[in-house]
């Protein structure tokens, strides 16, 4: 489970204008329509083509838990791509993104400063360039630690240094032990 990747996806999903299909047969019909056939859906979900056909015809309504999770994830990943792209673009160019987190934060600073890590609960509006970096990295397949690094750099710039108005000698922010993480567009 990717906390940062899933958090970014959840933020984008809030921009949807209509709810994604909820039932397994509706999700299966949507995927068949998107991928152009039952064979492609069967290969993607690692089930038989006949099983896909039975879901489409409402002969099967309740999938086993692992298939239900894959089915929901794939349907949501393809739901309203234009709305998703528009929300990402708006966040990356004009609005930015809000991060709400409870995590252990500390920093590397000159000797004599109080740089002890401690649990902090922050809700910080990040500028559009950091939203763009997060979305670009996620799309490029960045790992969880790379996304966490970008978020830490954004928090250093916006929260600790306040856009360059304070803590100018701050070198690095440690962003670890994430208990809660949520993004808002």
Foldseek 3Di string as FASTA:
>chain_A
DQQLLVQLLVQLQVLDPDDFDDWLLSLLVQVCVVVVHLVVVCVQLVHDSVVSVCSVVVVDTDDDPVSSVSSVVVRSVPPPPVSSVVVLVCCQPPFPKKKWWWFWKFFDFDPPDPGDTDTDTDIDGFHNNLSNVLVVCVVVPHDSVVSVQSVQVRCCCCPVCNNVVDPVRTDGMDTDPIPDIHMHD
